[in-house]
N, C-alpha and C. Protein backbone atom coordinates (compact mmCIF):
# COMPACT_ATOMS: atom_id res chain seq x y z
N MET A 1 -15.91 -43.98 10.33
CA MET A 1 -16.08 -43.90 8.89
C MET A 1 -14.87 -43.21 8.28
N ARG A 2 -14.30 -43.81 7.29
CA ARG A 2 -13.14 -43.27 6.61
C ARG A 2 -13.60 -42.29 5.54
N ARG A 3 -12.95 -41.14 5.47
CA ARG A 3 -13.35 -40.14 4.48
C ARG A 3 -12.62 -40.36 3.17
N ALA A 4 -13.24 -39.90 2.10
CA ALA A 4 -12.64 -40.01 0.78
C ALA A 4 -11.42 -39.11 0.69
N SER A 5 -10.42 -39.52 -0.06
CA SER A 5 -9.23 -38.70 -0.27
C SER A 5 -9.32 -38.04 -1.65
N PHE A 6 -9.02 -36.76 -1.67
CA PHE A 6 -8.99 -36.01 -2.91
C PHE A 6 -7.57 -35.56 -3.25
N ALA A 7 -6.59 -36.08 -2.54
CA ALA A 7 -5.21 -35.62 -2.67
C ALA A 7 -4.66 -35.82 -4.07
N ASP A 8 -5.10 -36.84 -4.78
CA ASP A 8 -4.57 -37.11 -6.11
C ASP A 8 -5.44 -36.59 -7.24
N TRP A 9 -6.51 -35.91 -6.92
CA TRP A 9 -7.37 -35.36 -7.97
C TRP A 9 -6.64 -34.23 -8.68
N PRO A 10 -6.82 -34.09 -9.98
CA PRO A 10 -6.17 -32.99 -10.70
C PRO A 10 -6.95 -31.69 -10.55
N CYS A 11 -7.06 -31.21 -9.32
CA CYS A 11 -7.84 -30.00 -9.03
C CYS A 11 -7.34 -29.40 -7.73
N SER A 12 -6.93 -28.14 -7.77
CA SER A 12 -6.40 -27.49 -6.58
C SER A 12 -7.46 -27.34 -5.50
N ILE A 13 -8.73 -27.17 -5.89
CA ILE A 13 -9.79 -27.07 -4.89
C ILE A 13 -9.92 -28.40 -4.15
N ALA A 14 -9.97 -29.50 -4.91
CA ALA A 14 -10.10 -30.83 -4.29
C ALA A 14 -8.90 -31.12 -3.39
N GLN A 15 -7.70 -30.77 -3.81
CA GLN A 15 -6.51 -31.02 -3.00
C GLN A 15 -6.50 -30.18 -1.73
N THR A 16 -7.02 -28.94 -1.82
CA THR A 16 -7.10 -28.08 -0.63
C THR A 16 -8.13 -28.63 0.34
N VAL A 17 -9.28 -29.08 -0.19
CA VAL A 17 -10.31 -29.71 0.66
C VAL A 17 -9.72 -30.93 1.36
N ASP A 18 -8.93 -31.71 0.63
CA ASP A 18 -8.31 -32.89 1.23
C ASP A 18 -7.38 -32.49 2.36
N LEU A 19 -6.61 -31.44 2.17
CA LEU A 19 -5.71 -30.97 3.23
C LEU A 19 -6.50 -30.50 4.45
N LEU A 20 -7.56 -29.74 4.22
CA LEU A 20 -8.35 -29.21 5.32
C LEU A 20 -9.02 -30.33 6.10
N GLY A 21 -9.56 -31.31 5.40
CA GLY A 21 -10.12 -32.50 6.04
C GLY A 21 -11.42 -32.30 6.76
N ASP A 22 -11.52 -31.28 7.58
CA ASP A 22 -12.74 -31.03 8.34
C ASP A 22 -12.75 -29.58 8.80
N GLY A 23 -13.75 -29.23 9.56
CA GLY A 23 -13.87 -27.85 10.02
C GLY A 23 -12.83 -27.40 11.02
N TRP A 24 -12.21 -28.35 11.73
CA TRP A 24 -11.22 -27.96 12.74
C TRP A 24 -9.97 -27.35 12.13
N THR A 25 -9.54 -27.83 10.98
CA THR A 25 -8.27 -27.40 10.42
C THR A 25 -8.26 -25.90 10.10
N PRO A 26 -9.25 -25.36 9.38
CA PRO A 26 -9.21 -23.91 9.17
C PRO A 26 -9.35 -23.11 10.47
N LEU A 27 -10.03 -23.67 11.46
CA LEU A 27 -10.14 -22.97 12.75
C LEU A 27 -8.80 -22.96 13.49
N VAL A 28 -8.04 -24.03 13.39
CA VAL A 28 -6.69 -24.05 13.96
C VAL A 28 -5.84 -22.99 13.26
N MET A 29 -5.97 -22.91 11.93
CA MET A 29 -5.20 -21.90 11.20
C MET A 29 -5.66 -20.49 11.58
N ARG A 30 -6.96 -20.29 11.74
CA ARG A 30 -7.46 -18.98 12.16
C ARG A 30 -6.82 -18.58 13.49
N GLU A 31 -6.78 -19.51 14.44
CA GLU A 31 -6.18 -19.21 15.74
C GLU A 31 -4.69 -18.88 15.61
N ALA A 32 -4.01 -19.56 14.70
CA ALA A 32 -2.59 -19.26 14.46
C ALA A 32 -2.43 -17.82 13.98
N PHE A 33 -3.35 -17.35 13.14
CA PHE A 33 -3.30 -15.96 12.69
C PHE A 33 -3.67 -14.98 13.81
N TYR A 34 -4.45 -15.44 14.78
CA TYR A 34 -4.76 -14.62 15.96
C TYR A 34 -3.58 -14.57 16.93
N GLY A 35 -2.53 -15.34 16.65
CA GLY A 35 -1.34 -15.32 17.49
C GLY A 35 -1.22 -16.49 18.46
N ILE A 36 -2.14 -17.45 18.40
CA ILE A 36 -2.05 -18.62 19.24
C ILE A 36 -0.90 -19.49 18.74
N ARG A 37 -0.08 -19.98 19.67
CA ARG A 37 1.10 -20.76 19.26
C ARG A 37 1.26 -22.08 20.01
N ARG A 38 0.65 -22.21 21.16
CA ARG A 38 0.89 -23.38 22.00
C ARG A 38 -0.32 -24.29 22.04
N PHE A 39 -0.05 -25.59 22.18
CA PHE A 39 -1.09 -26.61 22.15
C PHE A 39 -2.22 -26.28 23.11
N ASP A 40 -1.88 -26.01 24.37
CA ASP A 40 -2.93 -25.75 25.37
C ASP A 40 -3.75 -24.51 25.03
N GLU A 41 -3.12 -23.53 24.40
CA GLU A 41 -3.87 -22.34 23.98
C GLU A 41 -4.86 -22.66 22.87
N PHE A 42 -4.40 -23.43 21.88
CA PHE A 42 -5.32 -23.87 20.81
C PHE A 42 -6.49 -24.64 21.42
N GLN A 43 -6.15 -25.57 22.32
CA GLN A 43 -7.18 -26.42 22.91
C GLN A 43 -8.18 -25.58 23.71
N HIS A 44 -7.68 -24.64 24.48
CA HIS A 44 -8.55 -23.79 25.28
C HIS A 44 -9.43 -22.90 24.41
N GLU A 45 -8.84 -22.25 23.42
CA GLU A 45 -9.59 -21.30 22.59
C GLU A 45 -10.66 -21.98 21.75
N LEU A 46 -10.37 -23.18 21.25
CA LEU A 46 -11.29 -23.86 20.35
C LEU A 46 -12.21 -24.85 21.07
N GLY A 47 -11.81 -25.33 22.23
CA GLY A 47 -12.59 -26.37 22.88
C GLY A 47 -12.54 -27.68 22.11
N ILE A 48 -11.48 -27.87 21.37
CA ILE A 48 -11.28 -29.04 20.51
C ILE A 48 -10.75 -30.20 21.34
N PRO A 49 -11.22 -31.42 21.10
CA PRO A 49 -10.64 -32.57 21.82
C PRO A 49 -9.13 -32.66 21.57
N ARG A 50 -8.38 -33.02 22.60
CA ARG A 50 -6.92 -33.05 22.51
C ARG A 50 -6.42 -33.97 21.40
N ASN A 51 -7.04 -35.16 21.26
CA ASN A 51 -6.58 -36.07 20.21
C ASN A 51 -6.85 -35.50 18.81
N THR A 52 -7.96 -34.80 18.65
CA THR A 52 -8.27 -34.16 17.37
C THR A 52 -7.26 -33.06 17.08
N LEU A 53 -6.97 -32.25 18.09
CA LEU A 53 -5.99 -31.17 17.91
C LEU A 53 -4.62 -31.73 17.58
N THR A 54 -4.22 -32.79 18.24
CA THR A 54 -2.93 -33.43 17.95
C THR A 54 -2.88 -33.85 16.49
N ASP A 55 -3.94 -34.47 15.99
CA ASP A 55 -3.99 -34.89 14.59
C ASP A 55 -3.91 -33.71 13.64
N ARG A 56 -4.67 -32.65 13.93
CA ARG A 56 -4.69 -31.49 13.02
C ARG A 56 -3.35 -30.77 13.01
N LEU A 57 -2.75 -30.58 14.17
CA LEU A 57 -1.45 -29.92 14.22
C LEU A 57 -0.39 -30.75 13.51
N ARG A 58 -0.42 -32.06 13.71
CA ARG A 58 0.54 -32.94 13.02
C ARG A 58 0.37 -32.80 11.51
N ARG A 59 -0.85 -32.79 11.03
CA ARG A 59 -1.10 -32.69 9.59
C ARG A 59 -0.62 -31.34 9.06
N LEU A 60 -0.89 -30.27 9.78
CA LEU A 60 -0.46 -28.94 9.33
C LEU A 60 1.06 -28.82 9.34
N VAL A 61 1.72 -29.45 10.28
CA VAL A 61 3.19 -29.47 10.30
C VAL A 61 3.70 -30.32 9.13
N ASP A 62 3.13 -31.51 8.95
CA ASP A 62 3.56 -32.40 7.85
C ASP A 62 3.38 -31.73 6.49
N GLU A 63 2.33 -30.95 6.35
CA GLU A 63 2.04 -30.28 5.07
C GLU A 63 2.79 -28.96 4.92
N GLY A 64 3.50 -28.54 5.96
CA GLY A 64 4.34 -27.35 5.86
C GLY A 64 3.64 -26.03 6.10
N LEU A 65 2.43 -26.02 6.68
CA LEU A 65 1.75 -24.77 7.00
C LEU A 65 2.17 -24.23 8.36
N LEU A 66 2.53 -25.14 9.25
CA LEU A 66 3.04 -24.76 10.56
C LEU A 66 4.37 -25.48 10.78
N GLU A 67 5.20 -24.91 11.64
CA GLU A 67 6.41 -25.60 12.05
C GLU A 67 6.44 -25.66 13.58
N LYS A 68 6.99 -26.76 14.08
CA LYS A 68 7.12 -26.94 15.53
C LYS A 68 8.46 -26.40 15.98
N GLU A 69 8.43 -25.64 17.05
CA GLU A 69 9.67 -25.13 17.63
C GLU A 69 9.61 -25.34 19.14
N MET A 70 10.61 -26.03 19.68
CA MET A 70 10.63 -26.30 21.11
C MET A 70 10.87 -25.00 21.87
N TYR A 71 10.06 -24.78 22.91
CA TYR A 71 10.27 -23.61 23.76
C TYR A 71 10.61 -23.99 25.19
N ASP A 72 10.45 -25.27 25.52
CA ASP A 72 10.81 -25.75 26.86
C ASP A 72 11.27 -27.20 26.74
N GLY A 73 12.39 -27.52 27.34
CA GLY A 73 12.94 -28.87 27.24
C GLY A 73 12.53 -29.80 28.36
N GLN A 74 12.05 -29.28 29.49
CA GLN A 74 11.69 -30.10 30.66
C GLN A 74 10.33 -29.71 31.19
N PRO A 75 9.26 -30.33 30.83
CA PRO A 75 9.13 -31.33 29.76
C PRO A 75 9.17 -30.66 28.40
N ARG A 76 9.32 -31.48 27.36
CA ARG A 76 9.37 -30.94 26.00
C ARG A 76 8.02 -30.31 25.65
N ARG A 77 8.09 -29.04 25.28
CA ARG A 77 6.89 -28.32 24.87
C ARG A 77 7.23 -27.54 23.61
N TYR A 78 6.23 -27.46 22.73
CA TYR A 78 6.44 -26.86 21.42
C TYR A 78 5.47 -25.73 21.15
N GLU A 79 5.93 -24.80 20.35
CA GLU A 79 5.07 -23.78 19.77
C GLU A 79 4.86 -24.15 18.30
N TYR A 80 3.76 -23.72 17.76
CA TYR A 80 3.43 -23.96 16.35
C TYR A 80 3.40 -22.62 15.66
N LEU A 81 4.32 -22.43 14.72
CA LEU A 81 4.51 -21.15 14.06
C LEU A 81 4.11 -21.26 12.59
N LEU A 82 3.49 -20.21 12.09
CA LEU A 82 3.13 -20.17 10.68
C LEU A 82 4.39 -20.12 9.82
N THR A 83 4.41 -20.90 8.77
CA THR A 83 5.47 -20.86 7.77
C THR A 83 5.03 -19.92 6.65
N ASP A 84 5.87 -19.73 5.64
CA ASP A 84 5.47 -18.94 4.48
C ASP A 84 4.22 -19.56 3.83
N LYS A 85 4.22 -20.87 3.72
CA LYS A 85 3.07 -21.57 3.14
C LYS A 85 1.83 -21.33 4.00
N GLY A 86 1.99 -21.37 5.31
CA GLY A 86 0.89 -21.12 6.22
C GLY A 86 0.38 -19.69 6.14
N ARG A 87 1.30 -18.72 6.08
CA ARG A 87 0.89 -17.31 5.97
C ARG A 87 0.15 -17.06 4.66
N ASP A 88 0.49 -17.81 3.63
CA ASP A 88 -0.18 -17.65 2.35
C ASP A 88 -1.64 -18.15 2.41
N PHE A 89 -1.97 -18.93 3.44
CA PHE A 89 -3.34 -19.40 3.63
C PHE A 89 -4.28 -18.30 4.11
N PHE A 90 -3.73 -17.16 4.50
CA PHE A 90 -4.54 -16.05 4.98
C PHE A 90 -5.62 -15.66 3.98
N GLY A 91 -5.30 -15.62 2.70
CA GLY A 91 -6.28 -15.25 1.70
C GLY A 91 -7.49 -16.18 1.67
N VAL A 92 -7.25 -17.46 1.93
CA VAL A 92 -8.35 -18.44 1.97
C VAL A 92 -9.27 -18.10 3.13
N LEU A 93 -8.70 -17.85 4.30
CA LEU A 93 -9.51 -17.51 5.47
C LEU A 93 -10.23 -16.19 5.28
N ALA A 94 -9.56 -15.20 4.67
CA ALA A 94 -10.18 -13.91 4.44
C ALA A 94 -11.37 -14.04 3.47
N ALA A 95 -11.22 -14.87 2.44
CA ALA A 95 -12.32 -15.08 1.50
C ALA A 95 -13.48 -15.80 2.18
N MET A 96 -13.18 -16.79 3.03
CA MET A 96 -14.24 -17.49 3.76
C MET A 96 -14.96 -16.51 4.70
N SER A 97 -14.22 -15.66 5.35
CA SER A 97 -14.81 -14.69 6.25
C SER A 97 -15.72 -13.72 5.49
N ARG A 98 -15.26 -13.25 4.35
CA ARG A 98 -16.07 -12.33 3.53
C ARG A 98 -17.38 -12.98 3.13
N TRP A 99 -17.32 -14.22 2.66
CA TRP A 99 -18.53 -14.92 2.24
C TRP A 99 -19.47 -15.10 3.44
N GLY A 100 -18.93 -15.53 4.56
CA GLY A 100 -19.74 -15.72 5.77
C GLY A 100 -20.36 -14.42 6.26
N ASP A 101 -19.60 -13.32 6.20
CA ASP A 101 -20.13 -12.03 6.60
C ASP A 101 -21.31 -11.63 5.73
N ARG A 102 -21.20 -11.93 4.44
CA ARG A 102 -22.27 -11.53 3.51
C ARG A 102 -23.51 -12.42 3.64
N TRP A 103 -23.29 -13.72 3.78
CA TRP A 103 -24.42 -14.64 3.67
C TRP A 103 -24.85 -15.29 4.98
N LEU A 104 -24.05 -15.23 6.02
CA LEU A 104 -24.38 -15.94 7.26
C LEU A 104 -24.49 -15.04 8.47
N ALA A 105 -23.91 -13.85 8.42
CA ALA A 105 -23.94 -12.96 9.59
C ALA A 105 -25.39 -12.52 9.86
N GLY A 106 -25.70 -12.39 11.12
CA GLY A 106 -27.04 -11.97 11.51
C GLY A 106 -27.23 -10.46 11.32
N ASP A 107 -28.33 -9.99 11.85
CA ASP A 107 -28.69 -8.58 11.72
C ASP A 107 -27.68 -7.65 12.39
N ASP A 108 -26.94 -8.15 13.36
CA ASP A 108 -25.94 -7.32 14.04
C ASP A 108 -24.70 -7.08 13.19
N GLY A 109 -24.54 -7.84 12.11
CA GLY A 109 -23.40 -7.66 11.23
C GLY A 109 -22.29 -8.66 11.47
N ALA A 110 -21.17 -8.39 10.84
CA ALA A 110 -20.00 -9.28 10.89
C ALA A 110 -19.50 -9.43 12.32
N PRO A 111 -19.22 -10.67 12.75
CA PRO A 111 -18.71 -10.85 14.11
C PRO A 111 -17.27 -10.42 14.29
N VAL A 112 -16.47 -10.42 13.23
CA VAL A 112 -15.07 -10.00 13.27
C VAL A 112 -14.81 -9.13 12.05
N ILE A 113 -14.15 -8.02 12.25
CA ILE A 113 -13.83 -7.09 11.17
C ILE A 113 -12.36 -7.22 10.81
N LEU A 114 -12.08 -7.29 9.53
CA LEU A 114 -10.70 -7.33 9.03
C LEU A 114 -10.19 -5.89 8.91
N HIS A 115 -9.07 -5.62 9.55
CA HIS A 115 -8.47 -4.28 9.52
C HIS A 115 -7.15 -4.35 8.77
N HIS A 116 -6.96 -3.47 7.80
CA HIS A 116 -5.75 -3.42 6.99
C HIS A 116 -4.82 -2.34 7.54
N ALA A 117 -3.72 -2.75 8.18
CA ALA A 117 -2.82 -1.81 8.83
C ALA A 117 -2.17 -0.84 7.85
N THR A 118 -1.93 -1.29 6.62
CA THR A 118 -1.25 -0.43 5.63
C THR A 118 -2.01 0.85 5.36
N CYS A 119 -3.34 0.75 5.23
CA CYS A 119 -4.15 1.94 4.93
C CYS A 119 -5.01 2.36 6.12
N ALA A 120 -4.90 1.65 7.24
CA ALA A 120 -5.63 1.94 8.48
C ALA A 120 -7.15 1.91 8.28
N GLN A 121 -7.62 1.02 7.40
CA GLN A 121 -9.06 0.94 7.14
C GLN A 121 -9.59 -0.44 7.50
N ASP A 122 -10.84 -0.47 7.97
CA ASP A 122 -11.55 -1.74 8.08
C ASP A 122 -11.97 -2.13 6.68
N THR A 123 -11.88 -3.41 6.36
CA THR A 123 -12.08 -3.83 4.97
C THR A 123 -12.61 -5.25 4.92
N HIS A 124 -12.64 -5.82 3.74
CA HIS A 124 -12.99 -7.22 3.53
C HIS A 124 -12.20 -7.71 2.31
N ALA A 125 -12.14 -9.01 2.16
CA ALA A 125 -11.40 -9.59 1.05
C ALA A 125 -12.19 -9.43 -0.24
N GLU A 126 -11.48 -9.25 -1.32
CA GLU A 126 -12.05 -9.23 -2.67
C GLU A 126 -11.17 -10.09 -3.55
N VAL A 127 -11.78 -10.83 -4.45
CA VAL A 127 -11.01 -11.61 -5.41
C VAL A 127 -10.91 -10.78 -6.68
N VAL A 128 -9.68 -10.47 -7.07
CA VAL A 128 -9.45 -9.67 -8.27
C VAL A 128 -8.52 -10.43 -9.21
N CYS A 129 -8.62 -10.10 -10.47
CA CYS A 129 -7.75 -10.69 -11.48
C CYS A 129 -6.31 -10.17 -11.26
N ALA A 130 -5.37 -11.07 -11.21
CA ALA A 130 -3.97 -10.69 -11.00
C ALA A 130 -3.43 -9.92 -12.19
N ALA A 131 -4.01 -10.07 -13.38
CA ALA A 131 -3.53 -9.38 -14.57
C ALA A 131 -4.06 -7.96 -14.68
N CYS A 132 -5.40 -7.78 -14.53
CA CYS A 132 -5.98 -6.44 -14.76
C CYS A 132 -6.52 -5.78 -13.50
N MET A 133 -6.51 -6.51 -12.37
CA MET A 133 -6.96 -6.02 -11.07
C MET A 133 -8.47 -5.73 -11.01
N GLU A 134 -9.23 -6.20 -11.97
CA GLU A 134 -10.69 -6.07 -11.95
C GLU A 134 -11.26 -7.20 -11.08
N PRO A 135 -12.42 -6.97 -10.45
CA PRO A 135 -13.03 -8.05 -9.67
C PRO A 135 -13.30 -9.28 -10.54
N MET A 136 -13.09 -10.44 -9.94
CA MET A 136 -13.37 -11.69 -10.65
C MET A 136 -14.76 -12.15 -10.23
N ARG A 137 -15.61 -12.38 -11.22
CA ARG A 137 -16.95 -12.89 -10.99
C ARG A 137 -17.11 -14.18 -11.79
N ALA A 138 -17.93 -15.08 -11.30
CA ALA A 138 -18.12 -16.37 -11.97
C ALA A 138 -18.58 -16.19 -13.41
N GLU A 139 -19.49 -15.25 -13.64
CA GLU A 139 -20.03 -15.06 -15.00
C GLU A 139 -19.01 -14.51 -15.98
N ASP A 140 -17.90 -14.00 -15.50
CA ASP A 140 -16.85 -13.46 -16.37
C ASP A 140 -15.62 -14.36 -16.44
N SER A 141 -15.70 -15.53 -15.85
CA SER A 141 -14.53 -16.40 -15.72
C SER A 141 -14.83 -17.81 -16.18
N SER A 142 -13.80 -18.52 -16.56
CA SER A 142 -13.93 -19.92 -16.90
C SER A 142 -12.65 -20.64 -16.49
N MET A 143 -12.76 -21.94 -16.40
CA MET A 143 -11.60 -22.76 -16.04
C MET A 143 -11.02 -23.37 -17.31
N ARG A 144 -9.70 -23.46 -17.36
CA ARG A 144 -9.01 -24.10 -18.47
C ARG A 144 -8.04 -25.12 -17.91
N ILE A 145 -7.74 -26.10 -18.67
CA ILE A 145 -6.76 -27.10 -18.25
C ILE A 145 -5.39 -26.42 -18.16
N GLY A 146 -4.70 -26.70 -17.06
CA GLY A 146 -3.38 -26.12 -16.85
C GLY A 146 -2.29 -27.13 -17.17
N PRO A 147 -1.04 -26.70 -17.06
CA PRO A 147 0.08 -27.57 -17.42
C PRO A 147 0.22 -28.79 -16.51
N GLY A 148 -0.36 -28.74 -15.32
CA GLY A 148 -0.25 -29.87 -14.41
C GLY A 148 -1.37 -30.89 -14.54
N TYR A 149 -2.30 -30.66 -15.46
CA TYR A 149 -3.41 -31.61 -15.63
C TYR A 149 -2.89 -32.89 -16.26
N PRO A 150 -3.22 -34.06 -15.71
CA PRO A 150 -2.68 -35.33 -16.22
C PRO A 150 -3.07 -35.58 -17.68
N GLU A 151 -2.10 -35.84 -18.50
CA GLU A 151 -2.32 -36.11 -19.92
C GLU A 151 -3.31 -37.26 -20.12
N ARG A 152 -3.22 -38.28 -19.29
CA ARG A 152 -4.06 -39.47 -19.44
C ARG A 152 -5.55 -39.18 -19.26
N LEU A 153 -5.90 -38.06 -18.63
CA LEU A 153 -7.30 -37.74 -18.38
C LEU A 153 -7.90 -36.80 -19.42
N LYS A 154 -7.09 -36.16 -20.21
CA LYS A 154 -7.58 -35.14 -21.15
C LYS A 154 -8.55 -35.68 -22.18
N SER A 155 -8.46 -36.95 -22.54
CA SER A 155 -9.32 -37.50 -23.58
C SER A 155 -10.68 -37.98 -23.06
N ARG A 156 -10.91 -37.96 -21.77
CA ARG A 156 -12.18 -38.41 -21.21
C ARG A 156 -13.31 -37.47 -21.66
N PRO A 157 -14.47 -38.02 -22.00
CA PRO A 157 -15.61 -37.18 -22.47
C PRO A 157 -16.01 -36.10 -21.46
N GLU A 158 -16.06 -36.44 -20.16
CA GLU A 158 -16.47 -35.44 -19.18
C GLU A 158 -15.44 -34.31 -19.07
N VAL A 159 -14.18 -34.62 -19.28
CA VAL A 159 -13.14 -33.59 -19.27
C VAL A 159 -13.28 -32.72 -20.51
N GLN A 160 -13.54 -33.35 -21.63
CA GLN A 160 -13.72 -32.62 -22.88
C GLN A 160 -14.90 -31.62 -22.75
N ARG A 161 -16.01 -32.06 -22.13
CA ARG A 161 -17.18 -31.18 -21.94
C ARG A 161 -16.86 -30.08 -20.93
N ARG A 162 -16.29 -30.44 -19.79
CA ARG A 162 -16.04 -29.48 -18.73
C ARG A 162 -15.16 -28.34 -19.19
N PHE A 163 -14.15 -28.66 -19.97
CA PHE A 163 -13.18 -27.65 -20.37
C PHE A 163 -13.32 -27.23 -21.83
N ALA A 164 -14.40 -27.66 -22.47
CA ALA A 164 -14.69 -27.30 -23.87
C ALA A 164 -13.47 -27.52 -24.77
N ILE A 165 -12.93 -28.73 -24.69
CA ILE A 165 -11.76 -29.09 -25.52
C ILE A 165 -12.29 -29.57 -26.87
N ASP A 166 -11.72 -29.05 -27.92
CA ASP A 166 -12.13 -29.48 -29.28
C ASP A 166 -11.33 -30.64 -29.74
C-alpha cells in the first residue's frame, strides 16, 4: 500500500510527518543521538529489517539529517553522522519523549531520563515562546498564515475559517 505524501502541503507539521514516514525514522534518529553510527549497529540496536533500515538511512541522508562518511574501503563501509539539520531534530525527539513520559510511561516512571550537562540536572523538554520565554500552551496560542503560505490557497473558505482571515 502506497502512503499519502504530505511533502507539498503548506504546513511544517505535514512536511515533517512526510519526512518521518513511519515509526522507524525517529527511532533511527534517536539511535544516532545515542552515538550509533554504523549500519550494523543501527540494525542490531533496533532489530529493524535491513531493507527498511537501508531505505530510512538513504532518506535521512537525502534530506540532509545524516551524512555518509566512508570508514573502510575494503569492503566499502560507511558511518552515518548527524548534520546540523539532524542535530536540530533533537528538540523534536525531546518533545516526543516528554509527552510519552507524561502520558504513556507506566507506574515505574520514565524509561529514559534527559540529563542537561550544562546545569548537571535531570530535566525534560518544555516548549517556550522564543520572544518572552513563557511556556507555550494551546489555549494561549494560535496559528497565522506565514510568508511561505501559497497565495493561491489563501482565498479558500476552509483557509479563511482556519486562520480567521477577514
